[in-house]
């Protein structure tokens, strides 16, 4: 499994935060705020796989292109960035040594916290 940083997704997340499209929610809220598999399918049906991919900071280059399984480390709910998703992803990226993704998520968290103050 080769996981790389999805730079397009990082740019998308930065733009959303700059525009105020984020939830400054708490660390453990992601289990309640995360979109379901059905939400993901509906989003893909409406917007396409390329737009879906913009909501995930990790891309598994060994996984089949055009599948949901290729995209990892979600940071939002297809409308807003969620602080809880960023925190969760940062922790998981650190656990599995995905340094570039961990660093990107840390940067997003700092942006959210600065903007939320």
PDB file of N, CA and C in Angstrom:
ATOM      1  N   UNK A   1       0.843  -1.176   0.000  1.00  0.00           N
ATOM      2  CA  UNK A   1       0.000   0.000   0.000  1.00  0.00           C
ATOM      3  C   UNK A   1       0.889   1.240   0.000  1.00  0.00           C
ATOM      4  N   UNK A   2       0.721   2.069  -1.019  1.00  0.00           N
ATOM      5  CA  UNK A   2       1.462   3.315  -1.121  1.00  0.00           C
ATOM      6  C   UNK A   2       0.484   4.471  -0.982  1.00  0.00           C
ATOM      7  N   UNK A   3       0.604   5.196   0.110  1.00  0.00           N
ATOM      8  CA  UNK A   3      -0.304   6.309   0.390  1.00  0.00           C
ATOM      9  C   UNK A   3       0.448   7.616   0.144  1.00  0.00           C
ATOM     10  N   UNK A   4      -0.146   8.469  -0.671  1.00  0.00           N
ATOM     11  CA  UNK A   4       0.471   9.778  -0.921  1.00  0.00           C
ATOM     12  C   UNK A   4      -0.519  10.885  -0.595  1.00  0.00           C
ATOM     13  N   UNK A   5       0.023  12.065  -0.359  1.00  0.00           N
ATOM     14  CA  UNK A   5      -0.778  13.240  -0.075  1.00  0.00           C
ATOM     15  C   UNK A   5      -1.522  13.658  -1.338  1.00  0.00           C
ATOM     16  N   UNK A   6      -2.797  13.895  -1.200  1.00  0.00           N
ATOM     17  CA  UNK A   6      -3.632  14.386  -2.295  1.00  0.00           C
ATOM     18  C   UNK A   6      -3.594  15.920  -2.235  1.00  0.00           C
ATOM     19  N   UNK A   7      -2.711  16.521  -3.016  1.00  0.00           N
ATOM     20  CA  UNK A   7      -2.510  17.970  -2.969  1.00  0.00           C
ATOM     21  C   UNK A   7      -3.741  18.753  -3.401  1.00  0.00           C
ATOM     22  N   UNK A   8      -4.520  18.207  -4.330  1.00  0.00           N
ATOM     23  CA  UNK A   8      -5.747  18.867  -4.753  1.00  0.00           C
ATOM     24  C   UNK A   8      -6.720  18.965  -3.572  1.00  0.00           C
ATOM     25  N   UNK A   9      -6.803  17.908  -2.791  1.00  0.00           N
ATOM     26  CA  UNK A   9      -7.677  17.900  -1.608  1.00  0.00           C
ATOM     27  C   UNK A   9      -7.180  18.904  -0.569  1.00  0.00           C
ATOM     28  N   UNK A  10      -5.866  18.993  -0.399  1.00  0.00           N
ATOM     29  CA  UNK A  10      -5.305  19.939   0.557  1.00  0.00           C
ATOM     30  C   UNK A  10      -5.645  21.371   0.149  1.00  0.00           C
ATOM     31  N   UNK A  11      -5.523  21.681  -1.115  1.00  0.00           N
ATOM     32  CA  UNK A  11      -5.882  23.017  -1.599  1.00  0.00           C
ATOM     33  C   UNK A  11      -7.365  23.298  -1.384  1.00  0.00           C
ATOM     34  N   UNK A  12      -8.189  22.294  -1.647  1.00  0.00           N
ATOM     35  CA  UNK A  12      -9.630  22.429  -1.446  1.00  0.00           C
ATOM     36  C   UNK A  12      -9.945  22.713   0.026  1.00  0.00           C
ATOM     37  N   UNK A  13      -9.338  21.954   0.925  1.00  0.00           N
ATOM     38  CA  UNK A  13      -9.569  22.145   2.359  1.00  0.00           C
ATOM     39  C   UNK A  13      -9.117  23.531   2.815  1.00  0.00           C
ATOM     40  N   UNK A  14      -7.962  23.972   2.355  1.00  0.00           N
ATOM     41  CA  UNK A  14      -7.470  25.308   2.716  1.00  0.00           C
ATOM     42  C   UNK A  14      -8.465  26.384   2.288  1.00  0.00           C
ATOM     43  N   UNK A  15      -8.973  26.246   1.070  1.00  0.00           N
ATOM     44  CA  UNK A  15      -9.930  27.219   0.554  1.00  0.00           C
ATOM     45  C   UNK A  15     -11.223  27.241   1.358  1.00  0.00           C
ATOM     46  N   UNK A  16     -11.700  26.055   1.726  1.00  0.00           N
ATOM     47  CA  UNK A  16     -12.908  25.981   2.535  1.00  0.00           C
ATOM     48  C   UNK A  16     -12.709  26.678   3.879  1.00  0.00           C
ATOM     49  N   UNK A  17     -11.581  26.432   4.512  1.00  0.00           N
ATOM     50  CA  UNK A  17     -11.305  27.048   5.810  1.00  0.00           C
ATOM     51  C   UNK A  17     -11.194  28.565   5.662  1.00  0.00           C
ATOM     52  N   UNK A  18     -10.479  29.022   4.635  1.00  0.00           N
ATOM     53  CA  UNK A  18     -10.370  30.469   4.398  1.00  0.00           C
ATOM     54  C   UNK A  18     -11.744  31.106   4.239  1.00  0.00           C
ATOM     55  N   UNK A  19     -12.651  30.386   3.577  1.00  0.00           N
ATOM     56  CA  UNK A  19     -13.996  30.892   3.349  1.00  0.00           C
ATOM     57  C   UNK A  19     -14.943  30.714   4.530  1.00  0.00           C
ATOM     58  N   UNK A  20     -14.460  30.125   5.612  1.00  0.00           N
ATOM     59  CA  UNK A  20     -15.280  29.928   6.804  1.00  0.00           C
ATOM     60  C   UNK A  20     -16.157  28.686   6.764  1.00  0.00           C
ATOM     61  N   UNK A  21     -15.920  27.811   5.780  1.00  0.00           N
ATOM     62  CA  UNK A  21     -16.705  26.580   5.652  1.00  0.00           C
ATOM     63  C   UNK A  21     -16.078  25.453   6.465  1.00  0.00           C
ATOM     64  N   UNK A  22     -16.178  25.587   7.789  1.00  0.00           N
ATOM     65  CA  UNK A  22     -15.645  24.559   8.685  1.00  0.00           C
ATOM     66  C   UNK A  22     -16.462  24.523   9.956  1.00  0.00           C
ATOM     67  N   UNK A  23     -16.396  23.393  10.627  1.00  0.00           N
ATOM     68  CA  UNK A  23     -17.014  23.207  11.933  1.00  0.00           C
ATOM     69  C   UNK A  23     -15.898  23.073  12.949  1.00  0.00           C
ATOM     70  N   UNK A  24     -15.910  23.920  13.956  1.00  0.00           N
ATOM     71  CA  UNK A  24     -14.900  23.861  15.014  1.00  0.00           C
ATOM     72  C   UNK A  24     -15.390  22.919  16.112  1.00  0.00           C
ATOM     73  N   UNK A  25     -15.695  21.703  15.724  1.00  0.00           N
ATOM     74  CA  UNK A  25     -16.262  20.722  16.646  1.00  0.00           C
ATOM     75  C   UNK A  25     -15.173  20.043  17.477  1.00  0.00           C
ATOM     76  N   UNK A  26     -15.607  19.188  18.373  1.00  0.00           N
ATOM     77  CA  UNK A  26     -14.698  18.552  19.316  1.00  0.00           C
ATOM     78  C   UNK A  26     -14.115  17.247  18.786  1.00  0.00           C
ATOM     79  N   UNK A  27     -13.015  16.853  19.334  1.00  0.00           N
ATOM     80  CA  UNK A  27     -12.231  15.691  18.927  1.00  0.00           C
ATOM     81  C   UNK A  27     -13.072  14.433  18.673  1.00  0.00           C
ATOM     82  N   UNK A  28     -13.960  14.093  19.566  1.00  0.00           N
ATOM     83  CA  UNK A  28     -14.679  12.825  19.474  1.00  0.00           C
ATOM     84  C   UNK A  28     -15.973  12.900  18.666  1.00  0.00           C
ATOM     85  N   UNK A  29     -16.248  14.018  18.035  1.00  0.00           N
ATOM     86  CA  UNK A  29     -17.495  14.185  17.292  1.00  0.00           C
ATOM     87  C   UNK A  29     -17.505  13.513  15.925  1.00  0.00           C
ATOM     88  N   UNK A  30     -16.361  13.106  15.414  1.00  0.00           N
ATOM     89  CA  UNK A  30     -16.292  12.599  14.044  1.00  0.00           C
ATOM     90  C   UNK A  30     -17.157  11.358  13.830  1.00  0.00           C
ATOM     91  N   UNK A  31     -17.278  10.504  14.828  1.00  0.00           N
ATOM     92  CA  UNK A  31     -18.100   9.303  14.651  1.00  0.00           C
ATOM     93  C   UNK A  31     -19.558   9.683  14.363  1.00  0.00           C
ATOM     94  N   UNK A  32     -20.006  10.801  14.881  1.00  0.00           N
ATOM     95  CA  UNK A  32     -21.371  11.269  14.616  1.00  0.00           C
ATOM     96  C   UNK A  32     -21.468  12.131  13.367  1.00  0.00           C
ATOM     97  N   UNK A  33     -20.413  12.836  13.025  1.00  0.00           N
ATOM     98  CA  UNK A  33     -20.444  13.791  11.915  1.00  0.00           C
ATOM     99  C   UNK A  33     -19.983  13.201  10.584  1.00  0.00           C
ATOM    100  N   UNK A  34     -19.295  12.079  10.626  1.00  0.00           N
ATOM    101  CA  UNK A  34     -18.763  11.479   9.400  1.00  0.00           C
ATOM    102  C   UNK A  34     -19.893  11.063   8.461  1.00  0.00           C
ATOM    103  N   UNK A  35     -19.738  11.340   7.172  1.00  0.00           N
ATOM    104  CA  UNK A  35     -20.761  10.895   6.232  1.00  0.00           C
ATOM    105  C   UNK A  35     -20.782   9.368   6.126  1.00  0.00           C
ATOM    106  N   UNK A  36     -21.948   8.814   5.892  1.00  0.00           N
ATOM    107  CA  UNK A  36     -22.092   7.364   5.747  1.00  0.00           C
ATOM    108  C   UNK A  36     -21.639   6.927   4.354  1.00  0.00           C
ATOM    109  N   UNK A  37     -21.524   5.622   4.166  1.00  0.00           N
ATOM    110  CA  UNK A  37     -21.197   5.082   2.844  1.00  0.00           C
ATOM    111  C   UNK A  37     -22.259   5.505   1.834  1.00  0.00           C
ATOM    112  N   UNK A  38     -23.512   5.513   2.243  1.00  0.00           N
ATOM    113  CA  UNK A  38     -24.594   5.946   1.346  1.00  0.00           C
ATOM    114  C   UNK A  38     -24.453   7.426   0.989  1.00  0.00           C
ATOM    115  N   UNK A  39     -24.038   8.245   1.952  1.00  0.00           N
ATOM    116  CA  UNK A  39     -23.790   9.662   1.664  1.00  0.00           C
ATOM    117  C   UNK A  39     -22.694   9.802   0.610  1.00  0.00           C
ATOM    118  N   UNK A  40     -21.642   9.012   0.755  1.00  0.00           N
ATOM    119  CA  UNK A  40     -20.549   9.033  -0.218  1.00  0.00           C
ATOM    120  C   UNK A  40     -21.025   8.617  -1.601  1.00  0.00           C
ATOM    121  N   UNK A  41     -21.827   7.567  -1.657  1.00  0.00           N
ATOM    122  CA  UNK A  41     -22.348   7.102  -2.947  1.00  0.00           C
ATOM    123  C   UNK A  41     -23.226   8.159  -3.605  1.00  0.00           C
ATOM    124  N   UNK A  42     -24.078   8.805  -2.811  1.00  0.00           N
ATOM    125  CA  UNK A  42     -24.956   9.854  -3.338  1.00  0.00           C
ATOM    126  C   UNK A  42     -24.131  11.043  -3.838  1.00  0.00           C
ATOM    127  N   UNK A  43     -23.072  11.380  -3.113  1.00  0.00           N
ATOM    128  CA  UNK A  43     -22.201  12.484  -3.527  1.00  0.00           C
ATOM    129  C   UNK A  43     -21.527  12.148  -4.850  1.00  0.00           C
ATOM    130  N   UNK A  44     -21.017  10.936  -4.972  1.00  0.00           N
ATOM    131  CA  UNK A  44     -20.364  10.520  -6.223  1.00  0.00           C
ATOM    132  C   UNK A  44     -21.358  10.551  -7.382  1.00  0.00           C
ATOM    133  N   UNK A  45     -22.552  10.070  -7.140  1.00  0.00           N
ATOM    134  CA  UNK A  45     -23.575  10.050  -8.190  1.00  0.00           C
ATOM    135  C   UNK A  45     -23.887  11.458  -8.687  1.00  0.00           C
ATOM    136  N   UNK A  46     -23.915  12.403  -7.759  1.00  0.00           N
ATOM    137  CA  UNK A  46     -24.259  13.779  -8.110  1.00  0.00           C
ATOM    138  C   UNK A  46     -23.075  14.576  -8.661  1.00  0.00           C
ATOM    139  N   UNK A  47     -21.875  14.357  -8.079  1.00  0.00           N
ATOM    140  CA  UNK A  47     -20.725  15.220  -8.388  1.00  0.00           C
ATOM    141  C   UNK A  47     -19.574  14.510  -9.100  1.00  0.00           C
ATOM    142  N   UNK A  48     -19.529  13.197  -9.062  1.00  0.00           N
ATOM    143  CA  UNK A  48     -18.456  12.449  -9.709  1.00  0.00           C
ATOM    144  C   UNK A  48     -17.311  12.104  -8.768  1.00  0.00           C
ATOM    145  N   UNK A  49     -16.502  11.149  -9.218  1.00  0.00           N
ATOM    146  CA  UNK A  49     -15.400  10.639  -8.398  1.00  0.00           C
ATOM    147  C   UNK A  49     -14.303  11.680  -8.175  1.00  0.00           C
ATOM    148  N   UNK A  50     -14.027  12.506  -9.165  1.00  0.00           N
ATOM    149  CA  UNK A  50     -12.960  13.506  -8.998  1.00  0.00           C
ATOM    150  C   UNK A  50     -13.297  14.486  -7.878  1.00  0.00           C
ATOM    151  N   UNK A  51     -14.559  14.884  -7.793  1.00  0.00           N
ATOM    152  CA  UNK A  51     -14.974  15.801  -6.725  1.00  0.00           C
ATOM    153  C   UNK A  51     -14.959  15.081  -5.375  1.00  0.00           C
ATOM    154  N   UNK A  52     -15.361  13.824  -5.366  1.00  0.00           N
ATOM    155  CA  UNK A  52     -15.319  12.998  -4.147  1.00  0.00           C
ATOM    156  C   UNK A  52     -13.888  12.934  -3.608  1.00  0.00           C
ATOM    157  N   UNK A  53     -12.937  12.720  -4.499  1.00  0.00           N
ATOM    158  CA  UNK A  53     -11.527  12.585  -4.113  1.00  0.00           C
ATOM    159  C   UNK A  53     -10.993  13.837  -3.421  1.00  0.00           C
ATOM    160  N   UNK A  54     -11.575  14.983  -3.730  1.00  0.00           N
ATOM    161  CA  UNK A  54     -11.119  16.248  -3.130  1.00  0.00           C
ATOM    162  C   UNK A  54     -11.416  16.343  -1.644  1.00  0.00           C
ATOM    163  N   UNK A  55     -12.162  15.376  -1.092  1.00  0.00           N
ATOM    164  CA  UNK A  55     -12.513  15.379   0.328  1.00  0.00           C
ATOM    165  C   UNK A  55     -11.653  14.422   1.145  1.00  0.00           C
ATOM    166  N   UNK A  56     -10.551  13.934   0.533  1.00  0.00           N
ATOM    167  CA  UNK A  56      -9.678  12.960   1.197  1.00  0.00           C
ATOM    168  C   UNK A  56      -8.228  13.362   0.979  1.00  0.00           C
ATOM    169  N   UNK A  57      -7.472  13.491   2.080  1.00  0.00           N
ATOM    170  CA  UNK A  57      -6.078  13.926   1.963  1.00  0.00           C
ATOM    171  C   UNK A  57      -5.123  12.810   1.566  1.00  0.00           C
ATOM    172  N   UNK A  58      -5.552  11.567   1.653  1.00  0.00           N
ATOM    173  CA  UNK A  58      -4.692  10.452   1.281  1.00  0.00           C
ATOM    174  C   UNK A  58      -5.209   9.724   0.059  1.00  0.00           C
ATOM    175  N   UNK A  59      -4.282   9.254  -0.756  1.00  0.00           N
ATOM    176  CA  UNK A  59      -4.628   8.461  -1.931  1.00  0.00           C
ATOM    177  C   UNK A  59      -3.746   7.221  -1.952  1.00  0.00           C
ATOM    178  N   UNK A  60      -4.382   6.076  -1.991  1.00  0.00           N
ATOM    179  CA  UNK A  60      -3.676   4.797  -2.069  1.00  0.00           C
ATOM    180  C   UNK A  60      -3.440   4.495  -3.544  1.00  0.00           C
ATOM    181  N   UNK A  61      -2.234   4.712  -4.007  1.00  0.00           N
ATOM    182  CA  UNK A  61      -1.937   4.569  -5.427  1.00  0.00           C
ATOM    183  C   UNK A  61      -1.946   3.111  -5.889  1.00  0.00           C
ATOM    184  N   UNK A  62      -1.990   2.178  -4.945  1.00  0.00           N
ATOM    185  CA  UNK A  62      -2.088   0.760  -5.310  1.00  0.00           C
ATOM    186  C   UNK A  62      -3.535   0.319  -5.515  1.00  0.00           C
ATOM    187  N   UNK A  63      -4.484   1.099  -4.997  1.00  0.00           N
ATOM    188  CA  UNK A  63      -5.903   0.765  -5.138  1.00  0.00           C
ATOM    189  C   UNK A  63      -6.392   1.166  -6.531  1.00  0.00           C
ATOM    190  N   UNK A  64      -7.424   0.520  -6.972  1.00  0.00           N
ATOM    191  CA  UNK A  64      -7.975   0.761  -8.305  1.00  0.00           C
ATOM    192  C   UNK A  64      -8.488   2.189  -8.429  1.00  0.00           C
ATOM    193  N   UNK A  65      -8.105   2.843  -9.529  1.00  0.00           N
ATOM    194  CA  UNK A  65      -8.601   4.190  -9.782  1.00  0.00           C
ATOM    195  C   UNK A  65     -10.108   4.149  -9.955  1.00  0.00           C
ATOM    196  N   UNK A  66     -10.756   5.224  -9.526  1.00  0.00           N
ATOM    197  CA  UNK A  66     -12.192   5.318  -9.689  1.00  0.00           C
ATOM    198  C   UNK A  66     -12.993   4.574  -8.640  1.00  0.00           C
ATOM    199  N   UNK A  67     -12.326   4.151  -7.554  1.00  0.00           N
ATOM    200  CA  UNK A  67     -13.034   3.464  -6.468  1.00  0.00           C
ATOM    201  C   UNK A  67     -12.901   4.268  -5.179  1.00  0.00           C
ATOM    202  N   UNK A  68     -13.894   4.131  -4.324  1.00  0.00           N
ATOM    203  CA  UNK A  68     -13.857   4.830  -3.042  1.00  0.00           C
ATOM    204  C   UNK A  68     -12.691   4.352  -2.188  1.00  0.00           C
ATOM    205  N   UNK A  69     -12.304   3.100  -2.324  1.00  0.00           N
ATOM    206  CA  UNK A  69     -11.225   2.537  -1.531  1.00  0.00           C
ATOM    207  C   UNK A  69      -9.870   3.158  -1.799  1.00  0.00           C
ATOM    208  N   UNK A  70      -9.765   3.922  -2.857  1.00  0.00           N
ATOM    209  CA  UNK A  70      -8.500   4.577  -3.191  1.00  0.00           C
ATOM    210  C   UNK A  70      -8.238   5.784  -2.284  1.00  0.00           C
ATOM    211  N   UNK A  71      -9.292   6.329  -1.678  1.00  0.00           N
ATOM    212  CA  UNK A  71      -9.174   7.594  -0.955  1.00  0.00           C
ATOM    213  C   UNK A  71      -9.309   7.405   0.549  1.00  0.00           C
ATOM    214  N   UNK A  72      -8.378   7.997   1.282  1.00  0.00           N
ATOM    215  CA  UNK A  72      -8.255   7.840   2.729  1.00  0.00           C
ATOM    216  C   UNK A  72      -8.108   9.210   3.386  1.00  0.00           C
ATOM    217  N   UNK A  73      -8.286   9.247   4.666  1.00  0.00           N
ATOM    218  CA  UNK A  73      -8.111  10.444   5.473  1.00  0.00           C
ATOM    219  C   UNK A  73      -9.107  11.555   5.083  1.00  0.00           C
ATOM    220  N   UNK A  74     -10.395  11.290   5.307  1.00  0.00           N
ATOM    221  CA  UNK A  74     -11.407  12.321   5.055  1.00  0.00           C
ATOM    222  C   UNK A  74     -11.254  13.472   6.041  1.00  0.00           C
ATOM    223  N   UNK A  75     -11.579  14.664   5.576  1.00  0.00           N
ATOM    224  CA  UNK A  75     -11.466  15.823   6.464  1.00  0.00           C
ATOM    225  C   UNK A  75     -12.790  16.573   6.604  1.00  0.00           C
ATOM    226  N   UNK A  76     -13.852  16.056   6.002  1.00  0.00           N
ATOM    227  CA  UNK A  76     -15.123  16.755   6.093  1.00  0.00           C
ATOM    228  C   UNK A  76     -16.301  15.915   5.655  1.00  0.00           C
ATOM    229  N   UNK A  77     -17.441  16.580   5.561  1.00  0.00           N
ATOM    230  CA  UNK A  77     -18.700  15.888   5.294  1.00  0.00           C
ATOM    231  C   UNK A  77     -19.281  16.203   3.909  1.00  0.00           C
ATOM    232  N   UNK A  78     -18.449  16.624   2.982  1.00  0.00           N
ATOM    233  CA  UNK A  78     -18.816  17.000   1.614  1.00  0.00           C
ATOM    234  C   UNK A  78     -19.452  18.382   1.530  1.00  0.00           C
ATOM    235  N   UNK A  79     -19.494  19.104   2.648  1.00  0.00           N
ATOM    236  CA  UNK A  79     -19.933  20.495   2.629  1.00  0.00           C
ATOM    237  C   UNK A  79     -18.964  21.388   3.410  1.00  0.00           C
ATOM    238  N   UNK A  80     -18.448  20.865   4.522  1.00  0.00           N
ATOM    239  CA  UNK A  80     -17.545  21.635   5.380  1.00  0.00           C
ATOM    240  C   UNK A  80     -16.407  20.764   5.885  1.00  0.00           C
ATOM    241  N   UNK A  81     -15.306  21.430   6.219  1.00  0.00           N
ATOM    242  CA  UNK A  81     -14.199  20.778   6.917  1.00  0.00           C
ATOM    243  C   UNK A  81     -14.636  20.625   8.376  1.00  0.00           C
ATOM    244  N   UNK A  82     -14.338  19.477   8.956  1.00  0.00           N
ATOM    245  CA  UNK A  82     -14.659  19.255  10.366  1.00  0.00           C
ATOM    246  C   UNK A  82     -13.366  19.114  11.163  1.00  0.00           C
ATOM    247  N   UNK A  83     -13.251  19.937  12.181  1.00  0.00           N
ATOM    248  CA  UNK A  83     -12.081  19.887  13.059  1.00  0.00           C
ATOM    249  C   UNK A  83     -11.885  18.486  13.625  1.00  0.00           C
ATOM    250  N   UNK A  84     -12.982  17.831  13.986  1.00  0.00           N
ATOM    251  CA  UNK A  84     -12.883  16.484  14.557  1.00  0.00           C
ATOM    252  C   UNK A  84     -12.305  15.484  13.548  1.00  0.00           C
ATOM    253  N   UNK A  85     -12.616  15.645  12.268  1.00  0.00           N
ATOM    254  CA  UNK A  85     -12.067  14.764  11.235  1.00  0.00           C
ATOM    255  C   UNK A  85     -10.574  15.013  11.058  1.00  0.00           C
ATOM    256  N   UNK A  86     -10.196  16.276  11.116  1.00  0.00           N
ATOM    257  CA  UNK A  86      -8.785  16.648  10.977  1.00  0.00           C
ATOM    258  C   UNK A  86      -7.968  16.059  12.125  1.00  0.00           C
ATOM    259  N   UNK A  87      -8.482  16.183  13.350  1.00  0.00           N
ATOM    260  CA  UNK A  87      -7.786  15.637  14.518  1.00  0.00           C
ATOM    261  C   UNK A  87      -7.671  14.122  14.412  1.00  0.00           C
ATOM    262  N   UNK A  88      -8.764  13.469  14.054  1.00  0.00           N
ATOM    263  CA  UNK A  88      -8.772  12.014  13.912  1.00  0.00           C
ATOM    264  C   UNK A  88      -7.774  11.565  12.851  1.00  0.00           C
ATOM    265  N   UNK A  89      -7.785  12.235  11.724  1.00  0.00           N
ATOM    266  CA  UNK A  89      -6.870  11.886  10.638  1.00  0.00           C
ATOM    267  C   UNK A  89      -5.418  12.118  11.000  1.00  0.00           C
ATOM    268  N   UNK A  90      -5.152  13.217  11.688  1.00  0.00           N
ATOM    269  CA  UNK A  90      -3.774  13.518  12.095  1.00  0.00           C
ATOM    270  C   UNK A  90      -3.228  12.412  12.992  1.00  0.00           C
ATOM    271  N   UNK A  91      -4.036  11.978  13.929  1.00  0.00           N
ATOM    272  CA  UNK A  91      -3.632  10.908  14.838  1.00  0.00           C
ATOM    273  C   UNK A  91      -3.352   9.609  14.069  1.00  0.00           C
ATOM    274  N   UNK A  92      -4.264   9.254  13.165  1.00  0.00           N
ATOM    275  CA  UNK A  92      -4.107   8.021  12.383  1.00  0.00           C
ATOM    276  C   UNK A  92      -2.908   8.093  11.440  1.00  0.00           C
ATOM    277  N   UNK A  93      -2.706   9.246  10.821  1.00  0.00           N
ATOM    278  CA  UNK A  93      -1.560   9.415   9.922  1.00  0.00           C
ATOM    279  C   UNK A  93      -0.247   9.251  10.687  1.00  0.00           C
ATOM    280  N   UNK A  94      -0.207   9.800  11.896  1.00  0.00           N
ATOM    281  CA  UNK A  94       0.979   9.658  12.733  1.00  0.00           C
ATOM    282  C   UNK A  94       1.227   8.215  13.130  1.00  0.00           C
ATOM    283  N   UNK A  95       0.164   7.501  13.458  1.00  0.00           N
ATOM    284  CA  UNK A  95       0.269   6.090  13.842  1.00  0.00           C
ATOM    285  C   UNK A  95       0.897   5.254  12.740  1.00  0.00           C
ATOM    286  N   UNK A  96       0.528   5.557  11.495  1.00  0.00           N
ATOM    287  CA  UNK A  96       0.957   4.725  10.371  1.00  0.00           C
ATOM    288  C   UNK A  96       2.078   5.356   9.557  1.00  0.00           C
ATOM    289  N   UNK A  97       2.709   6.379  10.120  1.00  0.00           N
ATOM    290  CA  UNK A  97       3.889   6.992   9.509  1.00  0.00           C
ATOM    291  C   UNK A  97       3.644   7.624   8.137  1.00  0.00           C
ATOM    292  N   UNK A  98       2.480   8.235   7.960  1.00  0.00           N
ATOM    293  CA  UNK A  98       2.183   8.984   6.735  1.00  0.00           C
ATOM    294  C   UNK A  98       2.496  10.447   7.030  1.00  0.00           C
ATOM    295  N   UNK A  99       3.791  10.745   7.042  1.00  0.00           N
ATOM    296  CA  UNK A  99       4.293  12.029   7.526  1.00  0.00           C
ATOM    297  C   UNK A  99       3.737  13.231   6.770  1.00  0.00           C
ATOM    298  N   UNK A 100       3.674  13.156   5.455  1.00  0.00           N
ATOM    299  CA  UNK A 100       3.203  14.315   4.688  1.00  0.00           C
ATOM    300  C   UNK A 100       1.724  14.584   4.963  1.00  0.00           C
ATOM    301  N   UNK A 101       0.949  13.539   5.151  1.00  0.00           N
ATOM    302  CA  UNK A 101      -0.472  13.701   5.453  1.00  0.00           C
ATOM    303  C   UNK A 101      -0.644  14.227   6.876  1.00  0.00           C
ATOM    304  N   UNK A 102       0.121  13.687   7.797  1.00  0.00           N
ATOM    305  CA  UNK A 102       0.072  14.164   9.179  1.00  0.00           C
ATOM    306  C   UNK A 102       0.409  15.657   9.244  1.00  0.00           C
ATOM    307  N   UNK A 103       1.432  16.066   8.525  1.00  0.00           N
ATOM    308  CA  UNK A 103       1.851  17.465   8.507  1.00  0.00           C
ATOM    309  C   UNK A 103       0.754  18.356   7.905  1.00  0.00           C
ATOM    310  N   UNK A 104       0.128  17.906   6.828  1.00  0.00           N
ATOM    311  CA  UNK A 104      -0.939  18.671   6.189  1.00  0.00           C
ATOM    312  C   UNK A 104      -2.130  18.827   7.137  1.00  0.00           C
ATOM    313  N   UNK A 105      -2.485  17.753   7.823  1.00  0.00           N
ATOM    314  CA  UNK A 105      -3.611  17.807   8.756  1.00  0.00           C
ATOM    315  C   UNK A 105      -3.298  18.721   9.939  1.00  0.00           C
ATOM    316  N   UNK A 106      -2.081  18.699  10.401  1.00  0.00           N
ATOM    317  CA  UNK A 106      -1.676  19.595  11.490  1.00  0.00           C
ATOM    318  C   UNK A 106      -1.819  21.051  11.045  1.00  0.00           C
ATOM    319  N   UNK A 107      -1.416  21.331   9.820  1.00  0.00           N
ATOM    320  CA  UNK A 107      -1.543  22.681   9.273  1.00  0.00           C
ATOM    321  C   UNK A 107      -3.022  23.101   9.199  1.00  0.00           C
ATOM    322  N   UNK A 108      -3.888  22.192   8.738  1.00  0.00           N
ATOM    323  CA  UNK A 108      -5.316  22.501   8.660  1.00  0.00           C
ATOM    324  C   UNK A 108      -5.901  22.764  10.045  1.00  0.00           C
ATOM    325  N   UNK A 109      -5.498  21.966  11.021  1.00  0.00           N
ATOM    326  CA  UNK A 109      -5.972  22.155  12.390  1.00  0.00           C
ATOM    327  C   UNK A 109      -5.571  23.530  12.909  1.00  0.00           C
ATOM    328  N   UNK A 110      -4.339  23.921  12.647  1.00  0.00           N
ATOM    329  CA  UNK A 110      -3.876  25.242  13.077  1.00  0.00           C
ATOM    330  C   UNK A 110      -4.682  26.348  12.405  1.00  0.00           C
ATOM    331  N   UNK A 111      -4.991  26.180  11.105  1.00  0.00           N
ATOM    332  CA  UNK A 111      -5.803  27.166  10.399  1.00  0.00           C
ATOM    333  C   UNK A 111      -7.195  27.291  11.009  1.00  0.00           C
ATOM    334  N   UNK A 112      -7.810  26.140  11.289  1.00  0.00           N
ATOM    335  CA  UNK A 112      -9.143  26.145  11.885  1.00  0.00           C
ATOM    336  C   UNK A 112      -9.120  26.831  13.245  1.00  0.00           C
ATOM    337  N   UNK A 113      -8.178  26.434  14.089  1.00  0.00           N
ATOM    338  CA  UNK A 113      -8.118  26.999  15.434  1.00  0.00           C
ATOM    339  C   UNK A 113      -7.858  28.499  15.424  1.00  0.00           C
ATOM    340  N   UNK A 114      -7.022  28.937  14.496  1.00  0.00           N
ATOM    341  CA  UNK A 114      -6.731  30.372  14.379  1.00  0.00           C
ATOM    342  C   UNK A 114      -7.971  31.131  13.909  1.00  0.00           C
ATOM    343  N   UNK A 115      -8.660  30.580  12.930  1.00  0.00           N
ATOM    344  CA  UNK A 115      -9.834  31.236  12.374  1.00  0.00           C
ATOM    345  C   UNK A 115     -11.019  31.199  13.335  1.00  0.00           C
ATOM    346  N   UNK A 116     -11.118  30.149  14.150  1.00  0.00           N
ATOM    347  CA  UNK A 116     -12.231  29.981  15.083  1.00  0.00           C
ATOM    348  C   UNK A 116     -12.127  30.928  16.291  1.00  0.00           C
ATOM    349  N   UNK A 117     -10.916  31.387  16.581  1.00  0.00           N
ATOM    350  CA  UNK A 117     -10.720  32.268  17.748  1.00  0.00           C
ATOM    351  C   UNK A 117     -11.327  33.633  17.550  1.00  0.00           C
TER     352      UNK A 117
END
